[in-house]
Amino acid sequence: MNNIEVYLQPTRYIDYRTDEIQQIVGAFLNQSYSQKEIAIQLYLTVRDQWRYNPYHLSFTKNAYKASTIAVKKEGHCVDKSILLIACLRAVGIPARIHLAKVKNHIAVERLTEKFGTNEITPHGMVNLFLEGSWVKVSPAFNKELCYKCNVPPLDFDGKKDAIFQQYDNTGNLFMEYLDDYGHFEDIPTEFIFENFKANYPHIYKIFEGSNEIQL
């Protein structure tokens, strides 16, 4: 198995052979779309059909399965990245999780109140292999949220990275990347949990006796 083929395999978390994922990708399998066209459509599907919600948190490993995320109506950036990766692998497009730390500058009042900071970590995005090269995409912010925050929705053309909107529509700084944790073959749940614990110890304490919380 070569390095690219690794990122086509089903895993514990990227369980794309399940009915939940196959139902999402089924509309694309019997059409004459190119891989690039399918990648763009899957990106838009995950971006907009699952609402972004950074305030519902889980420390249960099964919550990070793509099939579990697929039946929800919302998810945070890591959730939505996992779902997109599963869909891409299901149609034969190599994909992997990429994690980072980011800072938001727009509409951060609630974020700062709940997390104690406007920095989000780990932030999830997707590396996908198209036309001979890796590109990065972030399907986190659904278009309705972008319109509400006066930020243009993040589009993907199948060629260039699409990982953040640096400015809103009036030129104010919106989002910046602070740290890059790299990419992973499968979903590194232990790293995610430890990263969260180190950066938000006051929130992590709330999880005592509970696997999930809504901030």
N, C-alpha and C. Protein backbone atom coordinates (compact mmCIF):
# COMPACT_ATOMS: atom_id res chain seq x y z
N MET A 1 0.84 -1.19 0.00
CA MET A 1 0.00 0.00 0.00
C MET A 1 0.88 1.25 0.00
N ASN A 2 0.70 2.14 -0.99
CA ASN A 2 1.52 3.35 -1.02
C ASN A 2 0.93 4.43 -0.11
N ASN A 3 1.65 5.54 -0.01
CA ASN A 3 1.25 6.59 0.93
C ASN A 3 -0.12 7.18 0.62
N ILE A 4 -0.48 7.27 -0.66
CA ILE A 4 -1.77 7.82 -1.02
C ILE A 4 -2.90 6.85 -0.69
N GLU A 5 -2.69 5.57 -0.96
CA GLU A 5 -3.73 4.57 -0.73
C GLU A 5 -4.13 4.48 0.74
N VAL A 6 -3.21 4.80 1.63
CA VAL A 6 -3.53 4.81 3.07
C VAL A 6 -4.72 5.71 3.34
N TYR A 7 -4.80 6.81 2.60
CA TYR A 7 -5.84 7.81 2.85
C TYR A 7 -7.12 7.54 2.08
N LEU A 8 -7.24 6.30 1.59
CA LEU A 8 -8.48 5.84 0.98
C LEU A 8 -9.16 4.76 1.81
N GLN A 9 -8.51 4.32 2.87
CA GLN A 9 -8.99 3.18 3.64
C GLN A 9 -10.06 3.56 4.66
N PRO A 10 -11.03 2.67 4.90
CA PRO A 10 -11.96 2.89 6.01
C PRO A 10 -11.23 2.63 7.33
N THR A 11 -11.61 3.33 8.37
CA THR A 11 -11.02 3.16 9.69
C THR A 11 -12.13 3.13 10.73
N ARG A 12 -11.73 3.02 11.97
CA ARG A 12 -12.73 3.04 13.05
C ARG A 12 -13.60 4.29 12.98
N TYR A 13 -12.99 5.42 12.70
CA TYR A 13 -13.71 6.69 12.70
C TYR A 13 -14.19 7.10 11.31
N ILE A 14 -13.40 6.79 10.31
CA ILE A 14 -13.76 7.14 8.93
C ILE A 14 -14.46 5.92 8.33
N ASP A 15 -15.62 5.62 8.85
CA ASP A 15 -16.34 4.38 8.54
C ASP A 15 -17.30 4.61 7.36
N TYR A 16 -16.72 4.85 6.20
CA TYR A 16 -17.52 5.29 5.07
C TYR A 16 -18.33 4.18 4.41
N ARG A 17 -18.13 2.94 4.78
CA ARG A 17 -18.93 1.87 4.20
C ARG A 17 -20.30 1.73 4.88
N THR A 18 -20.55 2.52 5.88
CA THR A 18 -21.82 2.48 6.59
C THR A 18 -22.93 3.12 5.75
N ASP A 19 -24.16 2.75 6.04
CA ASP A 19 -25.31 3.30 5.30
C ASP A 19 -25.37 4.82 5.41
N GLU A 20 -25.03 5.34 6.58
CA GLU A 20 -25.13 6.78 6.80
C GLU A 20 -24.28 7.58 5.82
N ILE A 21 -23.07 7.10 5.56
CA ILE A 21 -22.19 7.80 4.62
C ILE A 21 -22.56 7.49 3.18
N GLN A 22 -22.91 6.25 2.91
CA GLN A 22 -23.27 5.88 1.55
C GLN A 22 -24.50 6.65 1.06
N GLN A 23 -25.40 6.98 1.96
CA GLN A 23 -26.58 7.76 1.58
C GLN A 23 -26.20 9.17 1.14
N ILE A 24 -25.17 9.72 1.76
CA ILE A 24 -24.73 11.06 1.40
C ILE A 24 -24.06 11.07 0.02
N VAL A 25 -23.21 10.10 -0.22
CA VAL A 25 -22.42 10.10 -1.46
C VAL A 25 -23.14 9.43 -2.63
N GLY A 26 -24.24 8.75 -2.35
CA GLY A 26 -24.91 7.98 -3.40
C GLY A 26 -25.28 8.80 -4.62
N ALA A 27 -25.67 10.05 -4.41
CA ALA A 27 -26.11 10.89 -5.53
C ALA A 27 -24.98 11.20 -6.50
N PHE A 28 -23.74 11.01 -6.06
CA PHE A 28 -22.60 11.36 -6.91
C PHE A 28 -21.98 10.16 -7.61
N LEU A 29 -22.34 8.96 -7.21
CA LEU A 29 -21.64 7.77 -7.68
C LEU A 29 -22.01 7.34 -9.09
N ASN A 30 -23.24 7.63 -9.51
CA ASN A 30 -23.69 7.17 -10.83
C ASN A 30 -23.82 8.32 -11.82
N GLN A 31 -23.08 9.39 -11.58
CA GLN A 31 -23.10 10.55 -12.46
C GLN A 31 -21.76 10.68 -13.17
N SER A 32 -21.72 11.49 -14.18
CA SER A 32 -20.49 11.66 -14.97
C SER A 32 -19.66 12.83 -14.46
N TYR A 33 -19.68 13.05 -13.14
CA TYR A 33 -18.88 14.12 -12.55
C TYR A 33 -17.41 13.72 -12.51
N SER A 34 -16.53 14.72 -12.65
CA SER A 34 -15.11 14.48 -12.42
C SER A 34 -14.85 14.43 -10.92
N GLN A 35 -13.68 13.91 -10.54
CA GLN A 35 -13.35 13.89 -9.12
C GLN A 35 -13.34 15.29 -8.53
N LYS A 36 -12.86 16.26 -9.29
CA LYS A 36 -12.84 17.63 -8.79
C LYS A 36 -14.25 18.14 -8.56
N GLU A 37 -15.15 17.87 -9.48
CA GLU A 37 -16.53 18.32 -9.32
C GLU A 37 -17.20 17.65 -8.13
N ILE A 38 -16.92 16.36 -7.92
CA ILE A 38 -17.48 15.66 -6.78
C ILE A 38 -16.92 16.23 -5.48
N ALA A 39 -15.63 16.50 -5.44
CA ALA A 39 -15.00 17.07 -4.24
C ALA A 39 -15.63 18.41 -3.88
N ILE A 40 -15.86 19.24 -4.88
CA ILE A 40 -16.47 20.55 -4.62
C ILE A 40 -17.88 20.39 -4.08
N GLN A 41 -18.66 19.52 -4.69
CA GLN A 41 -20.04 19.33 -4.25
C GLN A 41 -20.12 18.72 -2.85
N LEU A 42 -19.24 17.79 -2.54
CA LEU A 42 -19.23 17.22 -1.20
C LEU A 42 -18.81 18.26 -0.17
N TYR A 43 -17.84 19.09 -0.54
CA TYR A 43 -17.42 20.17 0.36
C TYR A 43 -18.61 21.09 0.68
N LEU A 44 -19.34 21.51 -0.34
CA LEU A 44 -20.48 22.39 -0.14
C LEU A 44 -21.58 21.70 0.66
N THR A 45 -21.78 20.42 0.41
CA THR A 45 -22.80 19.66 1.13
C THR A 45 -22.51 19.65 2.62
N VAL A 46 -21.28 19.29 2.98
CA VAL A 46 -20.92 19.23 4.40
C VAL A 46 -20.87 20.64 5.00
N ARG A 47 -20.37 21.59 4.26
CA ARG A 47 -20.29 22.97 4.77
C ARG A 47 -21.66 23.50 5.16
N ASP A 48 -22.67 23.26 4.31
CA ASP A 48 -23.95 23.94 4.49
C ASP A 48 -25.07 23.11 5.08
N GLN A 49 -25.01 21.79 4.98
CA GLN A 49 -26.11 20.98 5.48
C GLN A 49 -25.94 20.56 6.94
N TRP A 50 -24.77 20.82 7.51
CA TRP A 50 -24.55 20.60 8.94
C TRP A 50 -24.14 21.94 9.55
N ARG A 51 -24.98 22.47 10.42
CA ARG A 51 -24.72 23.79 11.00
C ARG A 51 -23.51 23.73 11.93
N TYR A 52 -22.71 24.79 11.89
CA TYR A 52 -21.53 24.86 12.76
C TYR A 52 -21.95 25.17 14.19
N ASN A 53 -21.50 24.35 15.12
CA ASN A 53 -21.78 24.56 16.54
C ASN A 53 -20.55 24.14 17.35
N PRO A 54 -19.77 25.12 17.83
CA PRO A 54 -18.56 24.79 18.60
C PRO A 54 -18.83 24.53 20.07
N TYR A 55 -20.10 24.60 20.48
CA TYR A 55 -20.42 24.56 21.91
C TYR A 55 -20.93 23.21 22.41
N HIS A 56 -21.13 22.27 21.48
CA HIS A 56 -21.50 20.91 21.90
C HIS A 56 -20.24 20.05 21.83
N LEU A 57 -19.80 19.57 22.98
CA LEU A 57 -18.51 18.88 23.07
C LEU A 57 -18.68 17.47 23.59
N SER A 58 -17.84 16.57 23.10
CA SER A 58 -17.92 15.18 23.50
C SER A 58 -16.54 14.61 23.75
N PHE A 59 -16.43 13.80 24.81
CA PHE A 59 -15.20 13.06 25.08
C PHE A 59 -15.45 11.56 24.96
N THR A 60 -16.44 11.20 24.16
CA THR A 60 -16.72 9.81 23.85
C THR A 60 -16.15 9.51 22.47
N LYS A 61 -15.30 8.51 22.36
CA LYS A 61 -14.64 8.26 21.08
C LYS A 61 -15.62 7.95 19.97
N ASN A 62 -16.70 7.25 20.27
CA ASN A 62 -17.66 6.91 19.22
C ASN A 62 -18.33 8.14 18.62
N ALA A 63 -18.31 9.26 19.35
CA ALA A 63 -18.90 10.49 18.83
C ALA A 63 -18.11 11.03 17.65
N TYR A 64 -16.88 10.54 17.47
CA TYR A 64 -16.03 11.01 16.39
C TYR A 64 -16.07 10.09 15.17
N LYS A 65 -17.01 9.16 15.14
CA LYS A 65 -17.22 8.34 13.96
C LYS A 65 -18.02 9.13 12.93
N ALA A 66 -17.63 9.03 11.69
CA ALA A 66 -18.34 9.75 10.63
C ALA A 66 -19.81 9.36 10.58
N SER A 67 -20.11 8.09 10.77
CA SER A 67 -21.50 7.64 10.72
C SER A 67 -22.33 8.23 11.84
N THR A 68 -21.72 8.49 12.99
CA THR A 68 -22.42 9.12 14.11
C THR A 68 -22.69 10.59 13.79
N ILE A 69 -21.71 11.26 13.24
CA ILE A 69 -21.84 12.68 12.90
C ILE A 69 -22.88 12.87 11.80
N ALA A 70 -22.94 11.93 10.87
CA ALA A 70 -23.81 12.07 9.70
C ALA A 70 -25.28 12.21 10.06
N VAL A 71 -25.71 11.61 11.16
CA VAL A 71 -27.14 11.64 11.52
C VAL A 71 -27.48 12.85 12.37
N LYS A 72 -26.50 13.70 12.68
CA LYS A 72 -26.76 14.92 13.42
C LYS A 72 -27.10 16.05 12.45
N LYS A 73 -27.53 17.17 12.99
CA LYS A 73 -27.85 18.33 12.16
C LYS A 73 -26.79 19.42 12.27
N GLU A 74 -25.81 19.20 13.15
CA GLU A 74 -24.79 20.21 13.37
C GLU A 74 -23.51 19.54 13.86
N GLY A 75 -22.44 20.33 13.93
CA GLY A 75 -21.18 19.79 14.43
C GLY A 75 -20.14 20.89 14.48
N HIS A 76 -19.07 20.66 15.24
CA HIS A 76 -17.98 21.62 15.25
C HIS A 76 -17.02 21.31 14.10
N CYS A 77 -15.93 22.05 14.02
CA CYS A 77 -15.04 21.95 12.87
C CYS A 77 -14.43 20.55 12.71
N VAL A 78 -14.08 19.91 13.82
CA VAL A 78 -13.51 18.56 13.73
C VAL A 78 -14.57 17.58 13.23
N ASP A 79 -15.78 17.67 13.78
CA ASP A 79 -16.88 16.81 13.34
C ASP A 79 -17.08 16.91 11.83
N LYS A 80 -17.20 18.13 11.35
CA LYS A 80 -17.52 18.33 9.94
C LYS A 80 -16.35 17.91 9.04
N SER A 81 -15.15 18.05 9.52
CA SER A 81 -13.99 17.58 8.76
C SER A 81 -14.00 16.06 8.65
N ILE A 82 -14.30 15.38 9.75
CA ILE A 82 -14.38 13.91 9.74
C ILE A 82 -15.43 13.45 8.74
N LEU A 83 -16.57 14.10 8.75
CA LEU A 83 -17.65 13.73 7.83
C LEU A 83 -17.22 13.92 6.38
N LEU A 84 -16.57 15.03 6.08
CA LEU A 84 -16.12 15.27 4.71
C LEU A 84 -15.06 14.26 4.28
N ILE A 85 -14.14 13.93 5.18
CA ILE A 85 -13.11 12.95 4.86
C ILE A 85 -13.74 11.61 4.50
N ALA A 86 -14.72 11.18 5.29
CA ALA A 86 -15.38 9.90 5.02
C ALA A 86 -16.07 9.92 3.66
N CYS A 87 -16.73 11.02 3.34
CA CYS A 87 -17.41 11.12 2.05
C CYS A 87 -16.42 11.10 0.90
N LEU A 88 -15.31 11.80 1.06
CA LEU A 88 -14.29 11.83 0.01
C LEU A 88 -13.68 10.45 -0.21
N ARG A 89 -13.32 9.78 0.87
CA ARG A 89 -12.75 8.43 0.72
C ARG A 89 -13.76 7.49 0.10
N ALA A 90 -15.03 7.69 0.41
CA ALA A 90 -16.08 6.80 -0.12
C ALA A 90 -16.18 6.88 -1.64
N VAL A 91 -15.80 8.02 -2.22
CA VAL A 91 -15.88 8.17 -3.68
C VAL A 91 -14.50 8.06 -4.32
N GLY A 92 -13.50 7.61 -3.54
CA GLY A 92 -12.19 7.34 -4.11
C GLY A 92 -11.23 8.51 -4.13
N ILE A 93 -11.51 9.53 -3.33
CA ILE A 93 -10.62 10.69 -3.24
C ILE A 93 -9.84 10.62 -1.93
N PRO A 94 -8.51 10.49 -1.97
CA PRO A 94 -7.73 10.41 -0.73
C PRO A 94 -7.95 11.66 0.12
N ALA A 95 -8.11 11.47 1.43
CA ALA A 95 -8.35 12.59 2.34
C ALA A 95 -7.88 12.23 3.74
N ARG A 96 -7.52 13.26 4.51
CA ARG A 96 -7.02 13.06 5.88
C ARG A 96 -7.32 14.29 6.73
N ILE A 97 -7.34 14.10 8.04
CA ILE A 97 -7.59 15.18 8.98
C ILE A 97 -6.32 16.01 9.19
N HIS A 98 -6.50 17.31 9.34
CA HIS A 98 -5.41 18.24 9.63
C HIS A 98 -5.88 19.13 10.78
N LEU A 99 -5.06 19.27 11.80
CA LEU A 99 -5.45 20.01 13.00
C LEU A 99 -4.57 21.23 13.22
N ALA A 100 -5.14 22.25 13.83
CA ALA A 100 -4.42 23.50 14.05
C ALA A 100 -5.05 24.25 15.22
N LYS A 101 -4.47 25.39 15.57
CA LYS A 101 -5.05 26.33 16.51
C LYS A 101 -5.35 27.62 15.75
N VAL A 102 -6.55 28.16 15.94
CA VAL A 102 -6.95 29.38 15.23
C VAL A 102 -7.49 30.42 16.20
N LYS A 103 -7.54 31.65 15.74
CA LYS A 103 -8.12 32.74 16.52
C LYS A 103 -9.19 33.42 15.68
N ASN A 104 -10.39 33.56 16.28
CA ASN A 104 -11.47 34.28 15.63
C ASN A 104 -11.53 35.71 16.16
N HIS A 105 -11.90 36.65 15.29
CA HIS A 105 -11.96 38.06 15.68
C HIS A 105 -13.35 38.67 15.52
N ILE A 106 -14.27 37.97 14.91
CA ILE A 106 -15.60 38.49 14.65
C ILE A 106 -16.64 37.66 15.41
N ALA A 107 -17.59 38.35 16.06
CA ALA A 107 -18.70 37.69 16.78
C ALA A 107 -18.17 36.66 17.78
N VAL A 108 -17.24 37.12 18.62
CA VAL A 108 -16.57 36.19 19.54
C VAL A 108 -17.02 36.35 20.99
N GLU A 109 -18.08 37.13 21.22
CA GLU A 109 -18.49 37.39 22.60
C GLU A 109 -18.86 36.11 23.33
N ARG A 110 -19.72 35.30 22.71
CA ARG A 110 -20.12 34.06 23.36
C ARG A 110 -18.95 33.09 23.43
N LEU A 111 -18.16 33.04 22.37
CA LEU A 111 -17.00 32.16 22.34
C LEU A 111 -16.06 32.47 23.50
N THR A 112 -15.78 33.75 23.70
CA THR A 112 -14.89 34.16 24.78
C THR A 112 -15.51 33.89 26.15
N GLU A 113 -16.81 34.10 26.24
CA GLU A 113 -17.50 33.84 27.51
C GLU A 113 -17.41 32.36 27.90
N LYS A 114 -17.62 31.47 26.94
CA LYS A 114 -17.66 30.03 27.24
C LYS A 114 -16.27 29.42 27.35
N PHE A 115 -15.35 29.82 26.46
CA PHE A 115 -14.03 29.20 26.42
C PHE A 115 -12.97 29.99 27.17
N GLY A 116 -13.29 31.24 27.51
CA GLY A 116 -12.31 32.08 28.19
C GLY A 116 -11.29 32.68 27.25
N THR A 117 -11.49 32.52 25.95
CA THR A 117 -10.56 33.00 24.93
C THR A 117 -11.26 32.96 23.58
N ASN A 118 -10.70 33.69 22.61
CA ASN A 118 -11.23 33.60 21.24
C ASN A 118 -10.36 32.68 20.38
N GLU A 119 -9.54 31.85 21.04
CA GLU A 119 -8.72 30.87 20.33
C GLU A 119 -9.40 29.50 20.38
N ILE A 120 -9.46 28.85 19.24
CA ILE A 120 -10.08 27.52 19.12
C ILE A 120 -9.00 26.49 18.82
N THR A 121 -8.98 25.43 19.63
CA THR A 121 -8.02 24.34 19.41
C THR A 121 -8.57 23.05 19.99
N PRO A 122 -8.40 21.93 19.29
CA PRO A 122 -7.88 21.87 17.94
C PRO A 122 -8.96 22.22 16.91
N HIS A 123 -8.57 22.97 15.93
CA HIS A 123 -9.43 23.29 14.79
C HIS A 123 -9.20 22.23 13.72
N GLY A 124 -10.28 21.69 13.19
CA GLY A 124 -10.16 20.64 12.18
C GLY A 124 -10.36 21.15 10.77
N MET A 125 -9.54 20.64 9.87
CA MET A 125 -9.72 20.89 8.45
C MET A 125 -9.37 19.60 7.70
N VAL A 126 -9.43 19.65 6.39
CA VAL A 126 -9.27 18.45 5.57
C VAL A 126 -8.18 18.67 4.52
N ASN A 127 -7.29 17.69 4.40
CA ASN A 127 -6.38 17.62 3.25
C ASN A 127 -6.98 16.61 2.28
N LEU A 128 -7.10 17.00 1.00
CA LEU A 128 -7.56 16.04 0.01
C LEU A 128 -6.63 16.08 -1.20
N PHE A 129 -6.51 14.92 -1.85
CA PHE A 129 -5.56 14.76 -2.95
C PHE A 129 -6.32 14.80 -4.27
N LEU A 130 -6.09 15.88 -5.02
CA LEU A 130 -6.76 16.08 -6.30
C LEU A 130 -5.76 16.44 -7.39
N GLU A 131 -5.89 15.81 -8.52
CA GLU A 131 -5.08 16.14 -9.70
C GLU A 131 -3.59 16.22 -9.36
N GLY A 132 -3.14 15.27 -8.55
CA GLY A 132 -1.72 15.13 -8.29
C GLY A 132 -1.15 15.94 -7.16
N SER A 133 -1.98 16.65 -6.39
CA SER A 133 -1.44 17.43 -5.28
C SER A 133 -2.44 17.51 -4.13
N TRP A 134 -1.91 17.79 -2.94
CA TRP A 134 -2.75 17.95 -1.76
C TRP A 134 -3.23 19.39 -1.65
N VAL A 135 -4.50 19.56 -1.33
CA VAL A 135 -5.06 20.88 -1.04
C VAL A 135 -5.80 20.81 0.29
N LYS A 136 -5.94 21.95 0.96
CA LYS A 136 -6.58 22.02 2.27
C LYS A 136 -7.92 22.74 2.15
N VAL A 137 -8.92 22.21 2.85
CA VAL A 137 -10.23 22.86 2.90
C VAL A 137 -10.77 22.81 4.32
N SER A 138 -11.57 23.81 4.66
CA SER A 138 -12.21 23.86 5.98
C SER A 138 -13.71 24.03 5.78
N PRO A 139 -14.51 22.98 5.99
CA PRO A 139 -15.95 23.06 5.76
C PRO A 139 -16.74 23.53 6.98
N ALA A 140 -16.09 24.19 7.93
CA ALA A 140 -16.70 24.45 9.24
C ALA A 140 -17.90 25.40 9.17
N PHE A 141 -17.74 26.57 8.56
CA PHE A 141 -18.74 27.62 8.68
C PHE A 141 -19.79 27.54 7.58
N ASN A 142 -21.02 27.15 7.94
CA ASN A 142 -22.12 27.10 6.98
C ASN A 142 -22.44 28.52 6.50
N LYS A 143 -23.00 28.62 5.31
CA LYS A 143 -23.18 29.93 4.67
C LYS A 143 -24.10 30.83 5.47
N GLU A 144 -25.12 30.28 6.15
CA GLU A 144 -26.01 31.12 6.93
C GLU A 144 -25.26 31.81 8.06
N LEU A 145 -24.35 31.09 8.70
CA LEU A 145 -23.53 31.70 9.76
C LEU A 145 -22.63 32.79 9.18
N CYS A 146 -22.06 32.54 8.01
CA CYS A 146 -21.20 33.53 7.38
C CYS A 146 -21.97 34.81 7.09
N TYR A 147 -23.17 34.68 6.53
CA TYR A 147 -23.98 35.86 6.25
C TYR A 147 -24.28 36.63 7.53
N LYS A 148 -24.57 35.90 8.60
CA LYS A 148 -24.88 36.53 9.88
C LYS A 148 -23.68 37.31 10.41
N CYS A 149 -22.47 36.80 10.17
CA CYS A 149 -21.25 37.44 10.65
C CYS A 149 -20.64 38.42 9.64
N ASN A 150 -21.37 38.64 8.51
CA ASN A 150 -20.90 39.56 7.47
C ASN A 150 -19.56 39.10 6.89
N VAL A 151 -19.46 37.80 6.70
CA VAL A 151 -18.25 37.19 6.13
C VAL A 151 -18.66 36.41 4.88
N PRO A 152 -17.91 36.51 3.79
CA PRO A 152 -18.26 35.72 2.60
C PRO A 152 -18.09 34.23 2.87
N PRO A 153 -19.04 33.40 2.44
CA PRO A 153 -18.86 31.96 2.60
C PRO A 153 -17.57 31.50 1.94
N LEU A 154 -16.93 30.51 2.55
CA LEU A 154 -15.65 30.03 2.05
C LEU A 154 -15.88 29.01 0.94
N ASP A 155 -15.56 29.40 -0.29
CA ASP A 155 -15.76 28.52 -1.43
C ASP A 155 -14.48 27.75 -1.75
N PHE A 156 -14.64 26.67 -2.50
CA PHE A 156 -13.53 25.81 -2.89
C PHE A 156 -13.64 25.54 -4.38
N ASP A 157 -12.56 25.82 -5.11
CA ASP A 157 -12.58 25.66 -6.57
C ASP A 157 -11.94 24.36 -7.05
N GLY A 158 -11.53 23.51 -6.10
CA GLY A 158 -10.92 22.25 -6.49
C GLY A 158 -9.44 22.35 -6.81
N LYS A 159 -8.87 23.56 -6.69
CA LYS A 159 -7.45 23.76 -7.03
C LYS A 159 -6.66 24.37 -5.88
N LYS A 160 -7.20 25.43 -5.30
CA LYS A 160 -6.47 26.18 -4.27
C LYS A 160 -6.99 25.86 -2.88
N ASP A 161 -6.12 26.02 -1.87
CA ASP A 161 -6.53 25.85 -0.48
C ASP A 161 -7.71 26.77 -0.16
N ALA A 162 -8.62 26.27 0.67
CA ALA A 162 -9.75 27.07 1.15
C ALA A 162 -9.90 26.79 2.64
N ILE A 163 -9.10 27.49 3.44
CA ILE A 163 -9.04 27.14 4.87
C ILE A 163 -9.51 28.23 5.81
N PHE A 164 -9.66 29.46 5.35
CA PHE A 164 -10.19 30.49 6.24
C PHE A 164 -10.51 31.78 5.48
N GLN A 165 -11.43 32.56 6.06
CA GLN A 165 -11.69 33.89 5.57
C GLN A 165 -10.88 34.84 6.46
N GLN A 166 -9.88 35.48 5.88
CA GLN A 166 -9.01 36.33 6.69
C GLN A 166 -9.71 37.61 7.13
N TYR A 167 -10.63 38.11 6.28
CA TYR A 167 -11.31 39.36 6.59
C TYR A 167 -12.81 39.22 6.35
N ASP A 168 -13.59 40.06 7.04
CA ASP A 168 -15.02 40.11 6.76
C ASP A 168 -15.26 41.02 5.57
N ASN A 169 -16.53 41.28 5.26
CA ASN A 169 -16.87 42.05 4.06
C ASN A 169 -16.48 43.52 4.15
N THR A 170 -16.17 44.00 5.35
CA THR A 170 -15.78 45.40 5.51
C THR A 170 -14.29 45.56 5.77
N GLY A 171 -13.55 44.45 5.67
CA GLY A 171 -12.10 44.53 5.81
C GLY A 171 -11.56 44.30 7.20
N ASN A 172 -12.44 43.96 8.15
CA ASN A 172 -11.98 43.66 9.50
C ASN A 172 -11.38 42.26 9.57
N LEU A 173 -10.34 42.11 10.36
CA LEU A 173 -9.71 40.79 10.53
C LEU A 173 -10.72 39.81 11.10
N PHE A 174 -10.87 38.65 10.47
CA PHE A 174 -11.86 37.66 10.90
C PHE A 174 -11.21 36.45 11.57
N MET A 175 -10.22 35.86 10.92
CA MET A 175 -9.68 34.61 11.42
C MET A 175 -8.21 34.50 11.05
N GLU A 176 -7.43 33.91 11.95
CA GLU A 176 -6.02 33.68 11.67
C GLU A 176 -5.59 32.35 12.29
N TYR A 177 -4.59 31.72 11.68
CA TYR A 177 -4.04 30.47 12.17
C TYR A 177 -2.85 30.78 13.08
N LEU A 178 -2.83 30.16 14.25
CA LEU A 178 -1.78 30.40 15.23
C LEU A 178 -0.77 29.27 15.31
N ASP A 179 -1.22 28.04 15.14
CA ASP A 179 -0.34 26.88 15.27
C ASP A 179 -0.83 25.77 14.36
N ASP A 180 0.09 24.95 13.89
CA ASP A 180 -0.23 23.86 12.98
C ASP A 180 0.23 22.55 13.61
N TYR A 181 -0.73 21.65 13.85
CA TYR A 181 -0.41 20.35 14.47
C TYR A 181 -0.17 19.25 13.44
N GLY A 182 -0.37 19.56 12.17
CA GLY A 182 -0.10 18.57 11.14
C GLY A 182 -1.29 17.70 10.82
N HIS A 183 -1.05 16.69 9.96
CA HIS A 183 -2.13 15.80 9.51
C HIS A 183 -1.96 14.41 10.12
N PHE A 184 -3.06 13.64 10.05
CA PHE A 184 -3.10 12.33 10.69
C PHE A 184 -3.82 11.34 9.76
N GLU A 185 -3.40 10.08 9.83
CA GLU A 185 -4.00 9.05 8.99
C GLU A 185 -5.42 8.73 9.42
N ASP A 186 -5.65 8.65 10.74
CA ASP A 186 -6.98 8.45 11.29
C ASP A 186 -7.26 9.58 12.28
N ILE A 187 -8.37 9.57 12.93
CA ILE A 187 -8.74 10.65 13.83
C ILE A 187 -8.03 10.45 15.18
N PRO A 188 -7.14 11.35 15.57
CA PRO A 188 -6.34 11.17 16.79
C PRO A 188 -7.12 11.63 18.03
N THR A 189 -8.07 10.82 18.46
CA THR A 189 -8.94 11.25 19.55
C THR A 189 -8.18 11.55 20.84
N GLU A 190 -7.16 10.76 21.15
CA GLU A 190 -6.41 11.02 22.38
C GLU A 190 -5.70 12.37 22.29
N PHE A 191 -5.13 12.68 21.15
CA PHE A 191 -4.49 13.99 20.97
C PHE A 191 -5.52 15.11 21.11
N ILE A 192 -6.69 14.92 20.50
CA ILE A 192 -7.75 15.93 20.58
C ILE A 192 -8.15 16.17 22.02
N PHE A 193 -8.36 15.09 22.78
CA PHE A 193 -8.78 15.23 24.16
C PHE A 193 -7.71 15.91 25.01
N GLU A 194 -6.47 15.50 24.84
CA GLU A 194 -5.39 16.08 25.63
C GLU A 194 -5.14 17.53 25.26
N ASN A 195 -5.26 17.85 23.99
CA ASN A 195 -5.10 19.23 23.54
C ASN A 195 -6.17 20.12 24.15
N PHE A 196 -7.39 19.63 24.14
CA PHE A 196 -8.50 20.39 24.71
C PHE A 196 -8.30 20.57 26.22
N LYS A 197 -7.91 19.51 26.88
CA LYS A 197 -7.69 19.57 28.33
C LYS A 197 -6.61 20.58 28.69
N ALA A 198 -5.54 20.62 27.90
CA ALA A 198 -4.43 21.52 28.18
C ALA A 198 -4.81 22.98 27.95
N ASN A 199 -5.67 23.23 26.98
CA ASN A 199 -6.02 24.60 26.63
C ASN A 199 -7.26 25.13 27.35
N TYR A 200 -8.16 24.23 27.75
CA TYR A 200 -9.39 24.64 28.42
C TYR A 200 -9.63 23.80 29.68
N PRO A 201 -8.72 23.84 30.64
CA PRO A 201 -8.88 22.98 31.83
C PRO A 201 -10.16 23.26 32.60
N HIS A 202 -10.63 24.51 32.58
CA HIS A 202 -11.85 24.85 33.31
C HIS A 202 -13.08 24.19 32.69
N ILE A 203 -13.07 24.01 31.37
CA ILE A 203 -14.18 23.32 30.70
C ILE A 203 -14.04 21.82 30.88
N TYR A 204 -12.83 21.33 30.80
CA TYR A 204 -12.60 19.88 30.92
C TYR A 204 -13.13 19.36 32.25
N LYS A 205 -13.05 20.16 33.29
CA LYS A 205 -13.54 19.74 34.61
C LYS A 205 -15.03 19.48 34.60
N ILE A 206 -15.74 20.19 33.73
CA ILE A 206 -17.19 20.01 33.65
C ILE A 206 -17.55 18.60 33.19
N PHE A 207 -16.63 17.96 32.45
CA PHE A 207 -16.90 16.64 31.91
C PHE A 207 -16.88 15.53 32.95
N GLU A 208 -16.45 15.83 34.15
CA GLU A 208 -16.40 14.82 35.20
C GLU A 208 -17.78 14.23 35.42
N GLY A 209 -17.92 12.95 35.15
CA GLY A 209 -19.21 12.28 35.31
C GLY A 209 -20.12 12.42 34.10
N SER A 210 -19.63 13.06 33.03
CA SER A 210 -20.45 13.23 31.84
C SER A 210 -19.58 13.14 30.60
N ASN A 211 -20.08 12.50 29.55
CA ASN A 211 -19.31 12.36 28.31
C ASN A 211 -19.55 13.48 27.31
N GLU A 212 -20.67 14.20 27.47
CA GLU A 212 -20.99 15.26 26.55
C GLU A 212 -21.55 16.45 27.31
N ILE A 213 -21.28 17.65 26.78
CA ILE A 213 -21.88 18.85 27.38
C ILE A 213 -22.24 19.83 26.27
N GLN A 214 -23.20 20.69 26.58
CA GLN A 214 -23.56 21.82 25.72
C GLN A 214 -23.24 23.09 26.50
N LEU A 215 -22.26 23.84 26.06
CA LEU A 215 -21.86 25.05 26.77
C LEU A 215 -22.90 26.16 26.60
